[in-house]
Amino acid sequence: MSNMYIIRHCEAQGQAPNAVLTEKGRRQAEALAHLADMQQIDSIVTSPYERAYRTIQPLAERLGLKVVTDERLVERVLCGQDAPQWRDMLRRTYDDPHLCYPGGESTSAAAARANQVVSELLEQGYHEPAIVSHGNLISLLLRSWDATYGFAEWEAMTNPDIYRVSWNTDIPLIRRLLV
């Protein structure tokens, strides 16, 4: 494999699993399908959430690829109830990867499930696969390879956002692509 593309979904109307893309999000998805960097993608695995699937659908159609959904790419649940202080709670999980709020998932558990998907793609021999997921999960995946990715990097993410990860050595090289 030369590169893997980690893609955050386009702008959506909410956070629910069935939240659809906004009109702007649909235009973003169409633009994503025409990015030069994306034309060599040979496999696509996405979160089953509507906004993730619809983000990559135009590119998949353009490239003639099947979109595979994988439950392991759903967004990380911070806690099982609404929490007005959720940002502070989230910040603490970057400092303590084993911190798990009731009804939620720890940083280490969420990163582990996303890394399983990556490992399988590496083992299957794809050269330019793409993963489409959600901001928090993507930031945790990137953090598992580079500890400098944290809360501030999550806050700076955009919809959409694209990271190209290269495995030319044992240490992945992460590069954020401009959208």
N, C-alpha and C. Protein backbone atom coordinates (compact mmCIF):
# COMPACT_ATOMS: atom_id res chain seq x y z
N MET A 1 0.85 -1.18 0.00
CA MET A 1 0.00 0.00 0.00
C MET A 1 0.89 1.23 0.00
N SER A 2 0.49 2.20 -0.77
CA SER A 2 1.24 3.45 -0.74
C SER A 2 0.54 4.50 0.10
N ASN A 3 -0.77 4.64 -0.02
CA ASN A 3 -1.50 5.65 0.74
C ASN A 3 -2.86 5.12 1.17
N MET A 4 -3.34 5.67 2.28
CA MET A 4 -4.71 5.45 2.71
C MET A 4 -5.31 6.83 2.94
N TYR A 5 -6.55 7.01 2.52
CA TYR A 5 -7.23 8.28 2.69
C TYR A 5 -8.26 8.13 3.80
N ILE A 6 -8.17 9.00 4.78
CA ILE A 6 -9.10 9.02 5.91
C ILE A 6 -9.96 10.28 5.70
N ILE A 7 -11.23 10.10 5.49
CA ILE A 7 -12.11 11.20 5.09
C ILE A 7 -13.21 11.42 6.13
N ARG A 8 -13.33 12.67 6.56
CA ARG A 8 -14.45 13.04 7.41
C ARG A 8 -15.60 13.45 6.50
N HIS A 9 -16.79 13.06 6.86
CA HIS A 9 -17.98 13.32 6.05
C HIS A 9 -18.20 14.81 5.79
N CYS A 10 -18.96 15.09 4.77
CA CYS A 10 -19.32 16.46 4.40
C CYS A 10 -20.35 17.03 5.37
N GLU A 11 -20.68 18.31 5.18
CA GLU A 11 -21.62 18.99 6.07
C GLU A 11 -22.97 18.27 6.08
N ALA A 12 -23.51 18.05 7.28
CA ALA A 12 -24.76 17.31 7.44
C ALA A 12 -25.76 18.08 8.29
N GLN A 13 -26.99 17.64 8.24
CA GLN A 13 -28.07 18.23 9.03
C GLN A 13 -28.22 17.50 10.35
N GLY A 14 -27.21 17.55 11.19
CA GLY A 14 -27.30 16.93 12.51
C GLY A 14 -26.33 15.78 12.70
N GLN A 15 -26.47 15.14 13.87
CA GLN A 15 -25.56 14.08 14.27
C GLN A 15 -26.19 12.69 14.30
N ALA A 16 -27.49 12.59 14.09
CA ALA A 16 -28.15 11.29 14.13
C ALA A 16 -27.62 10.38 13.02
N PRO A 17 -27.66 9.08 13.21
CA PRO A 17 -27.18 8.17 12.16
C PRO A 17 -27.82 8.40 10.80
N ASN A 18 -29.08 8.83 10.77
CA ASN A 18 -29.76 9.04 9.49
C ASN A 18 -29.73 10.50 9.03
N ALA A 19 -28.91 11.34 9.65
CA ALA A 19 -28.79 12.74 9.24
C ALA A 19 -28.28 12.82 7.80
N VAL A 20 -28.95 13.59 6.99
CA VAL A 20 -28.58 13.72 5.58
C VAL A 20 -27.61 14.87 5.39
N LEU A 21 -26.99 14.90 4.23
CA LEU A 21 -26.12 16.01 3.89
C LEU A 21 -26.97 17.24 3.61
N THR A 22 -26.43 18.39 3.95
CA THR A 22 -27.07 19.65 3.57
C THR A 22 -26.85 19.85 2.07
N GLU A 23 -27.47 20.88 1.52
CA GLU A 23 -27.22 21.20 0.11
C GLU A 23 -25.73 21.48 -0.10
N LYS A 24 -25.15 22.23 0.81
CA LYS A 24 -23.70 22.49 0.74
C LYS A 24 -22.93 21.18 0.83
N GLY A 25 -23.34 20.28 1.72
CA GLY A 25 -22.69 18.98 1.85
C GLY A 25 -22.75 18.16 0.57
N ARG A 26 -23.88 18.22 -0.12
CA ARG A 26 -24.00 17.49 -1.40
C ARG A 26 -23.04 18.08 -2.44
N ARG A 27 -22.92 19.40 -2.45
CA ARG A 27 -21.95 20.02 -3.38
C ARG A 27 -20.52 19.63 -3.00
N GLN A 28 -20.24 19.57 -1.70
CA GLN A 28 -18.91 19.16 -1.24
C GLN A 28 -18.61 17.73 -1.69
N ALA A 29 -19.59 16.84 -1.58
CA ALA A 29 -19.39 15.44 -1.98
C ALA A 29 -19.11 15.35 -3.48
N GLU A 30 -19.80 16.14 -4.28
CA GLU A 30 -19.55 16.15 -5.72
C GLU A 30 -18.14 16.67 -6.01
N ALA A 31 -17.73 17.71 -5.30
CA ALA A 31 -16.38 18.26 -5.50
C ALA A 31 -15.32 17.25 -5.08
N LEU A 32 -15.56 16.52 -4.00
CA LEU A 32 -14.64 15.50 -3.52
C LEU A 32 -14.39 14.45 -4.59
N ALA A 33 -15.44 14.12 -5.34
CA ALA A 33 -15.33 13.10 -6.39
C ALA A 33 -14.39 13.51 -7.51
N HIS A 34 -14.08 14.78 -7.61
CA HIS A 34 -13.24 15.27 -8.69
C HIS A 34 -11.84 15.67 -8.24
N LEU A 35 -11.53 15.51 -6.95
CA LEU A 35 -10.19 15.86 -6.47
C LEU A 35 -9.15 14.93 -7.09
N ALA A 36 -8.11 15.52 -7.61
CA ALA A 36 -7.06 14.74 -8.28
C ALA A 36 -6.45 13.70 -7.34
N ASP A 37 -6.24 14.06 -6.08
CA ASP A 37 -5.64 13.13 -5.12
C ASP A 37 -6.46 11.87 -4.92
N MET A 38 -7.75 11.93 -5.18
CA MET A 38 -8.65 10.83 -4.87
C MET A 38 -8.84 9.85 -6.04
N GLN A 39 -8.30 10.12 -7.18
CA GLN A 39 -8.61 9.34 -8.38
C GLN A 39 -7.95 7.96 -8.41
N GLN A 40 -7.00 7.70 -7.54
CA GLN A 40 -6.34 6.39 -7.51
C GLN A 40 -6.91 5.45 -6.45
N ILE A 41 -7.91 5.90 -5.73
CA ILE A 41 -8.52 5.07 -4.67
C ILE A 41 -9.02 3.76 -5.28
N ASP A 42 -8.71 2.65 -4.58
CA ASP A 42 -9.11 1.34 -5.12
C ASP A 42 -10.02 0.55 -4.19
N SER A 43 -10.40 1.13 -3.06
CA SER A 43 -11.31 0.48 -2.13
C SER A 43 -11.90 1.55 -1.22
N ILE A 44 -13.19 1.39 -0.89
CA ILE A 44 -13.85 2.37 -0.03
C ILE A 44 -14.61 1.63 1.06
N VAL A 45 -14.31 2.00 2.32
CA VAL A 45 -15.03 1.48 3.48
C VAL A 45 -15.54 2.68 4.25
N THR A 46 -16.83 2.67 4.60
CA THR A 46 -17.43 3.81 5.25
C THR A 46 -18.27 3.43 6.46
N SER A 47 -18.41 4.38 7.34
CA SER A 47 -19.41 4.27 8.40
C SER A 47 -20.76 4.08 7.73
N PRO A 48 -21.66 3.30 8.35
CA PRO A 48 -22.98 3.14 7.75
C PRO A 48 -23.89 4.36 7.93
N TYR A 49 -23.45 5.37 8.68
CA TYR A 49 -24.27 6.57 8.86
C TYR A 49 -24.49 7.22 7.50
N GLU A 50 -25.69 7.70 7.29
CA GLU A 50 -26.10 8.28 6.01
C GLU A 50 -25.12 9.35 5.51
N ARG A 51 -24.70 10.26 6.38
CA ARG A 51 -23.84 11.37 5.95
C ARG A 51 -22.47 10.89 5.47
N ALA A 52 -21.96 9.83 6.05
CA ALA A 52 -20.68 9.28 5.61
C ALA A 52 -20.83 8.58 4.26
N TYR A 53 -21.85 7.75 4.14
CA TYR A 53 -22.09 7.04 2.89
C TYR A 53 -22.31 8.00 1.73
N ARG A 54 -23.14 9.02 1.94
CA ARG A 54 -23.46 9.98 0.88
C ARG A 54 -22.26 10.86 0.53
N THR A 55 -21.34 11.02 1.46
CA THR A 55 -20.12 11.79 1.18
C THR A 55 -19.28 11.11 0.10
N ILE A 56 -19.19 9.81 0.15
CA ILE A 56 -18.28 9.10 -0.74
C ILE A 56 -18.98 8.50 -1.96
N GLN A 57 -20.29 8.46 -1.96
CA GLN A 57 -21.04 7.86 -3.06
C GLN A 57 -20.68 8.45 -4.44
N PRO A 58 -20.61 9.79 -4.60
CA PRO A 58 -20.26 10.31 -5.92
C PRO A 58 -18.87 9.85 -6.41
N LEU A 59 -17.90 9.79 -5.51
CA LEU A 59 -16.57 9.32 -5.91
C LEU A 59 -16.62 7.84 -6.27
N ALA A 60 -17.32 7.05 -5.49
CA ALA A 60 -17.44 5.62 -5.78
C ALA A 60 -18.06 5.39 -7.16
N GLU A 61 -19.10 6.14 -7.46
CA GLU A 61 -19.74 6.01 -8.77
C GLU A 61 -18.79 6.41 -9.88
N ARG A 62 -18.04 7.49 -9.67
CA ARG A 62 -17.09 7.97 -10.69
C ARG A 62 -16.00 6.93 -10.95
N LEU A 63 -15.55 6.25 -9.88
CA LEU A 63 -14.46 5.28 -10.00
C LEU A 63 -14.96 3.86 -10.26
N GLY A 64 -16.27 3.65 -10.20
CA GLY A 64 -16.83 2.32 -10.40
C GLY A 64 -16.53 1.37 -9.25
N LEU A 65 -16.48 1.91 -8.04
CA LEU A 65 -16.17 1.10 -6.86
C LEU A 65 -17.40 0.84 -6.01
N LYS A 66 -17.42 -0.29 -5.37
CA LYS A 66 -18.46 -0.62 -4.40
C LYS A 66 -18.10 0.06 -3.08
N VAL A 67 -19.10 0.59 -2.40
CA VAL A 67 -18.91 1.17 -1.07
C VAL A 67 -19.28 0.11 -0.04
N VAL A 68 -18.33 -0.26 0.79
CA VAL A 68 -18.55 -1.23 1.85
C VAL A 68 -18.79 -0.47 3.15
N THR A 69 -19.88 -0.79 3.84
CA THR A 69 -20.13 -0.15 5.14
C THR A 69 -19.59 -1.04 6.25
N ASP A 70 -19.13 -0.40 7.31
CA ASP A 70 -18.54 -1.12 8.44
C ASP A 70 -18.94 -0.42 9.73
N GLU A 71 -19.64 -1.13 10.59
CA GLU A 71 -20.11 -0.59 11.87
C GLU A 71 -18.96 -0.09 12.75
N ARG A 72 -17.77 -0.62 12.55
CA ARG A 72 -16.63 -0.19 13.37
C ARG A 72 -16.21 1.25 13.08
N LEU A 73 -16.77 1.85 12.02
CA LEU A 73 -16.42 3.23 11.66
C LEU A 73 -17.48 4.24 12.11
N VAL A 74 -18.48 3.81 12.89
CA VAL A 74 -19.46 4.77 13.41
C VAL A 74 -18.76 5.71 14.39
N GLU A 75 -19.39 6.86 14.63
CA GLU A 75 -18.81 7.84 15.54
C GLU A 75 -18.74 7.28 16.95
N ARG A 76 -17.74 7.69 17.66
CA ARG A 76 -17.55 7.30 19.04
C ARG A 76 -18.63 7.95 19.90
N VAL A 77 -19.23 7.18 20.78
CA VAL A 77 -20.21 7.71 21.74
C VAL A 77 -19.44 8.11 22.99
N LEU A 78 -19.52 9.40 23.33
CA LEU A 78 -18.81 9.91 24.50
C LEU A 78 -19.45 9.44 25.79
N CYS A 79 -20.78 9.58 25.88
CA CYS A 79 -21.51 9.12 27.06
C CYS A 79 -22.93 8.81 26.65
N GLY A 80 -23.65 8.12 27.51
CA GLY A 80 -24.97 7.64 27.18
C GLY A 80 -26.09 8.64 27.37
N GLN A 81 -25.78 9.87 27.73
CA GLN A 81 -26.83 10.88 27.92
C GLN A 81 -26.32 12.22 27.46
N ASP A 82 -27.25 13.16 27.24
CA ASP A 82 -26.84 14.51 26.88
C ASP A 82 -26.07 15.12 28.04
N ALA A 83 -24.98 15.78 27.72
CA ALA A 83 -24.14 16.39 28.75
C ALA A 83 -23.76 17.80 28.30
N PRO A 84 -24.26 18.83 28.99
CA PRO A 84 -23.94 20.20 28.59
C PRO A 84 -22.43 20.47 28.56
N GLN A 85 -21.68 19.77 29.38
CA GLN A 85 -20.22 19.96 29.47
C GLN A 85 -19.46 18.95 28.62
N TRP A 86 -20.07 18.49 27.53
CA TRP A 86 -19.49 17.43 26.72
C TRP A 86 -18.12 17.78 26.17
N ARG A 87 -17.87 19.06 25.85
CA ARG A 87 -16.56 19.44 25.30
C ARG A 87 -15.46 19.23 26.34
N ASP A 88 -15.71 19.60 27.58
CA ASP A 88 -14.71 19.37 28.63
C ASP A 88 -14.53 17.88 28.88
N MET A 89 -15.63 17.14 28.83
CA MET A 89 -15.54 15.68 28.99
C MET A 89 -14.70 15.08 27.87
N LEU A 90 -14.94 15.53 26.64
CA LEU A 90 -14.19 15.04 25.49
C LEU A 90 -12.71 15.37 25.63
N ARG A 91 -12.40 16.59 26.02
CA ARG A 91 -11.01 17.01 26.21
C ARG A 91 -10.29 16.06 27.18
N ARG A 92 -10.95 15.68 28.25
CA ARG A 92 -10.33 14.79 29.24
C ARG A 92 -10.01 13.41 28.65
N THR A 93 -10.82 12.95 27.69
CA THR A 93 -10.55 11.62 27.12
C THR A 93 -9.29 11.59 26.26
N TYR A 94 -8.86 12.75 25.78
CA TYR A 94 -7.58 12.79 25.04
C TYR A 94 -6.41 12.66 26.02
N ASP A 95 -6.60 13.14 27.24
CA ASP A 95 -5.54 13.03 28.25
C ASP A 95 -5.52 11.67 28.93
N ASP A 96 -6.67 11.04 29.02
CA ASP A 96 -6.78 9.73 29.65
C ASP A 96 -7.50 8.78 28.70
N PRO A 97 -6.75 8.01 27.90
CA PRO A 97 -7.37 7.18 26.86
C PRO A 97 -8.26 6.06 27.40
N HIS A 98 -8.18 5.78 28.70
CA HIS A 98 -9.01 4.73 29.28
C HIS A 98 -10.25 5.27 29.98
N LEU A 99 -10.37 6.59 30.03
CA LEU A 99 -11.54 7.21 30.65
C LEU A 99 -12.77 6.86 29.84
N CYS A 100 -13.77 6.32 30.54
CA CYS A 100 -15.00 5.91 29.86
C CYS A 100 -16.18 6.37 30.70
N TYR A 101 -16.98 7.25 30.15
CA TYR A 101 -18.17 7.74 30.84
C TYR A 101 -19.29 6.71 30.71
N PRO A 102 -20.23 6.70 31.65
CA PRO A 102 -21.33 5.73 31.59
C PRO A 102 -22.06 5.78 30.23
N GLY A 103 -22.19 4.62 29.63
CA GLY A 103 -22.86 4.52 28.34
C GLY A 103 -22.00 4.94 27.16
N GLY A 104 -20.73 5.27 27.41
CA GLY A 104 -19.84 5.73 26.35
C GLY A 104 -18.73 4.75 26.04
N GLU A 105 -17.77 5.23 25.28
CA GLU A 105 -16.65 4.41 24.83
C GLU A 105 -15.36 5.17 25.09
N SER A 106 -14.36 4.50 25.56
CA SER A 106 -13.07 5.14 25.84
C SER A 106 -12.34 5.45 24.53
N THR A 107 -11.38 6.34 24.62
CA THR A 107 -10.52 6.66 23.48
C THR A 107 -9.82 5.41 22.96
N SER A 108 -9.27 4.63 23.88
CA SER A 108 -8.51 3.45 23.46
C SER A 108 -9.42 2.42 22.78
N ALA A 109 -10.63 2.23 23.26
CA ALA A 109 -11.55 1.26 22.64
C ALA A 109 -11.98 1.73 21.25
N ALA A 110 -12.29 3.01 21.12
CA ALA A 110 -12.73 3.54 19.82
C ALA A 110 -11.59 3.46 18.80
N ALA A 111 -10.39 3.84 19.20
CA ALA A 111 -9.25 3.78 18.29
C ALA A 111 -8.95 2.33 17.89
N ALA A 112 -9.11 1.41 18.81
CA ALA A 112 -8.83 0.00 18.51
C ALA A 112 -9.77 -0.53 17.43
N ARG A 113 -11.05 -0.18 17.51
CA ARG A 113 -11.97 -0.70 16.49
C ARG A 113 -11.69 -0.09 15.11
N ALA A 114 -11.33 1.20 15.08
CA ALA A 114 -10.99 1.82 13.80
C ALA A 114 -9.70 1.22 13.24
N ASN A 115 -8.74 0.95 14.11
CA ASN A 115 -7.48 0.35 13.66
C ASN A 115 -7.67 -1.07 13.13
N GLN A 116 -8.70 -1.77 13.59
CA GLN A 116 -9.00 -3.10 13.03
C GLN A 116 -9.34 -2.99 11.55
N VAL A 117 -10.11 -1.97 11.20
CA VAL A 117 -10.48 -1.75 9.80
C VAL A 117 -9.22 -1.47 8.98
N VAL A 118 -8.36 -0.61 9.50
CA VAL A 118 -7.11 -0.27 8.81
C VAL A 118 -6.27 -1.52 8.62
N SER A 119 -6.11 -2.31 9.66
CA SER A 119 -5.30 -3.54 9.57
C SER A 119 -5.83 -4.48 8.50
N GLU A 120 -7.14 -4.63 8.44
CA GLU A 120 -7.73 -5.51 7.43
C GLU A 120 -7.47 -5.00 6.02
N LEU A 121 -7.57 -3.68 5.83
CA LEU A 121 -7.28 -3.12 4.50
C LEU A 121 -5.82 -3.34 4.12
N LEU A 122 -4.92 -3.18 5.08
CA LEU A 122 -3.49 -3.41 4.83
C LEU A 122 -3.26 -4.87 4.45
N GLU A 123 -3.90 -5.78 5.18
CA GLU A 123 -3.73 -7.22 4.92
C GLU A 123 -4.31 -7.63 3.57
N GLN A 124 -5.36 -6.95 3.12
CA GLN A 124 -6.02 -7.31 1.86
C GLN A 124 -5.28 -6.81 0.63
N GLY A 125 -4.23 -6.02 0.84
CA GLY A 125 -3.37 -5.63 -0.26
C GLY A 125 -3.83 -4.47 -1.12
N TYR A 126 -4.76 -3.67 -0.63
CA TYR A 126 -5.16 -2.49 -1.40
C TYR A 126 -4.01 -1.50 -1.44
N HIS A 127 -3.92 -0.73 -2.53
CA HIS A 127 -2.84 0.24 -2.69
C HIS A 127 -3.25 1.65 -2.30
N GLU A 128 -4.51 1.98 -2.48
CA GLU A 128 -5.00 3.34 -2.19
C GLU A 128 -6.42 3.28 -1.62
N PRO A 129 -6.62 2.65 -0.47
CA PRO A 129 -7.98 2.58 0.08
C PRO A 129 -8.41 3.88 0.75
N ALA A 130 -9.71 4.03 0.91
CA ALA A 130 -10.28 5.18 1.60
C ALA A 130 -11.21 4.70 2.70
N ILE A 131 -11.15 5.40 3.83
CA ILE A 131 -12.05 5.17 4.95
C ILE A 131 -12.82 6.46 5.16
N VAL A 132 -14.14 6.36 5.31
CA VAL A 132 -14.97 7.54 5.56
C VAL A 132 -15.62 7.37 6.93
N SER A 133 -15.44 8.37 7.78
CA SER A 133 -15.97 8.26 9.13
C SER A 133 -16.31 9.64 9.68
N HIS A 134 -16.13 9.80 10.98
CA HIS A 134 -16.60 10.96 11.72
C HIS A 134 -15.44 11.60 12.48
N GLY A 135 -15.59 12.88 12.79
CA GLY A 135 -14.51 13.68 13.35
C GLY A 135 -13.80 13.11 14.56
N ASN A 136 -14.56 12.75 15.59
CA ASN A 136 -13.90 12.28 16.79
C ASN A 136 -13.18 10.96 16.54
N LEU A 137 -13.84 10.03 15.88
CA LEU A 137 -13.20 8.74 15.62
C LEU A 137 -11.94 8.91 14.77
N ILE A 138 -12.03 9.77 13.75
CA ILE A 138 -10.85 10.00 12.90
C ILE A 138 -9.72 10.60 13.71
N SER A 139 -10.02 11.56 14.58
CA SER A 139 -8.94 12.16 15.38
C SER A 139 -8.30 11.13 16.29
N LEU A 140 -9.08 10.18 16.80
CA LEU A 140 -8.53 9.14 17.67
C LEU A 140 -7.68 8.16 16.86
N LEU A 141 -8.10 7.86 15.64
CA LEU A 141 -7.32 7.00 14.77
C LEU A 141 -5.98 7.65 14.45
N LEU A 142 -6.00 8.92 14.06
CA LEU A 142 -4.76 9.64 13.77
C LEU A 142 -3.87 9.71 15.01
N ARG A 143 -4.48 9.91 16.16
CA ARG A 143 -3.73 9.98 17.42
C ARG A 143 -3.03 8.65 17.74
N SER A 144 -3.65 7.55 17.32
CA SER A 144 -3.04 6.24 17.60
C SER A 144 -1.73 6.08 16.84
N TRP A 145 -1.54 6.85 15.76
CA TRP A 145 -0.31 6.82 14.98
C TRP A 145 0.62 7.97 15.32
N ASP A 146 0.07 9.07 15.78
CA ASP A 146 0.85 10.27 16.07
C ASP A 146 0.23 10.98 17.28
N ALA A 147 0.89 10.88 18.41
CA ALA A 147 0.37 11.40 19.68
C ALA A 147 0.16 12.91 19.68
N THR A 148 0.66 13.62 18.68
CA THR A 148 0.44 15.07 18.64
C THR A 148 -1.00 15.42 18.23
N TYR A 149 -1.74 14.45 17.68
CA TYR A 149 -3.14 14.70 17.35
C TYR A 149 -3.95 14.59 18.63
N GLY A 150 -4.66 15.66 18.94
CA GLY A 150 -5.44 15.68 20.17
C GLY A 150 -6.69 16.52 20.04
N PHE A 151 -7.14 17.05 21.15
CA PHE A 151 -8.37 17.81 21.20
C PHE A 151 -8.32 19.02 20.27
N ALA A 152 -7.22 19.75 20.26
CA ALA A 152 -7.10 20.94 19.41
C ALA A 152 -7.19 20.57 17.94
N GLU A 153 -6.61 19.45 17.55
CA GLU A 153 -6.66 19.01 16.15
C GLU A 153 -8.10 18.58 15.79
N TRP A 154 -8.78 17.95 16.74
CA TRP A 154 -10.18 17.60 16.51
C TRP A 154 -11.00 18.88 16.29
N GLU A 155 -10.78 19.89 17.14
CA GLU A 155 -11.51 21.15 17.00
C GLU A 155 -11.25 21.83 15.66
N ALA A 156 -10.06 21.64 15.11
CA ALA A 156 -9.68 22.30 13.86
C ALA A 156 -10.18 21.55 12.62
N MET A 157 -10.75 20.37 12.80
CA MET A 157 -11.23 19.60 11.66
C MET A 157 -12.40 20.32 10.99
N THR A 158 -12.54 20.07 9.70
CA THR A 158 -13.62 20.65 8.92
C THR A 158 -14.48 19.54 8.34
N ASN A 159 -15.62 19.93 7.80
CA ASN A 159 -16.48 19.01 7.07
C ASN A 159 -16.51 19.46 5.62
N PRO A 160 -15.99 18.68 4.70
CA PRO A 160 -15.25 17.44 4.90
C PRO A 160 -13.80 17.74 5.30
N ASP A 161 -13.09 16.71 5.60
CA ASP A 161 -11.66 16.80 5.87
C ASP A 161 -11.03 15.53 5.33
N ILE A 162 -9.81 15.65 4.83
CA ILE A 162 -9.13 14.50 4.23
C ILE A 162 -7.70 14.42 4.75
N TYR A 163 -7.31 13.24 5.16
CA TYR A 163 -5.93 12.97 5.57
C TYR A 163 -5.40 11.84 4.71
N ARG A 164 -4.19 12.04 4.21
CA ARG A 164 -3.51 10.97 3.47
C ARG A 164 -2.46 10.40 4.40
N VAL A 165 -2.53 9.09 4.60
CA VAL A 165 -1.59 8.40 5.48
C VAL A 165 -0.74 7.50 4.60
N SER A 166 0.58 7.65 4.69
CA SER A 166 1.52 6.87 3.88
C SER A 166 2.34 5.97 4.78
N TRP A 167 2.49 4.74 4.34
CA TRP A 167 3.29 3.76 5.09
C TRP A 167 4.55 3.44 4.31
N ASN A 168 5.42 4.39 4.14
CA ASN A 168 6.69 4.13 3.49
C ASN A 168 7.72 3.59 4.46
N THR A 169 7.46 3.76 5.74
CA THR A 169 8.31 3.22 6.81
C THR A 169 7.37 2.59 7.84
N ASP A 170 7.91 2.18 8.97
CA ASP A 170 7.07 1.61 10.03
C ASP A 170 6.19 2.66 10.68
N ILE A 171 6.59 3.92 10.56
CA ILE A 171 5.83 5.02 11.16
C ILE A 171 5.02 5.70 10.07
N PRO A 172 3.69 5.69 10.21
CA PRO A 172 2.87 6.32 9.16
C PRO A 172 3.12 7.83 9.09
N LEU A 173 3.15 8.34 7.88
CA LEU A 173 3.27 9.78 7.65
C LEU A 173 1.87 10.30 7.35
N ILE A 174 1.41 11.27 8.15
CA ILE A 174 0.06 11.81 8.02
C ILE A 174 0.15 13.20 7.41
N ARG A 175 -0.66 13.42 6.36
CA ARG A 175 -0.69 14.73 5.73
C ARG A 175 -2.14 15.12 5.51
N ARG A 176 -2.50 16.29 6.00
CA ARG A 176 -3.84 16.81 5.79
C ARG A 176 -3.90 17.44 4.41
N LEU A 177 -4.90 17.03 3.63
CA LEU A 177 -5.07 17.58 2.29
C LEU A 177 -6.05 18.74 2.34
N LEU A 178 -5.81 19.74 1.55
CA LEU A 178 -6.72 20.88 1.50
C LEU A 178 -7.94 20.51 0.68
N VAL A 179 -9.08 20.88 1.19
CA VAL A 179 -10.34 20.56 0.51
C VAL A 179 -10.87 21.80 -0.16
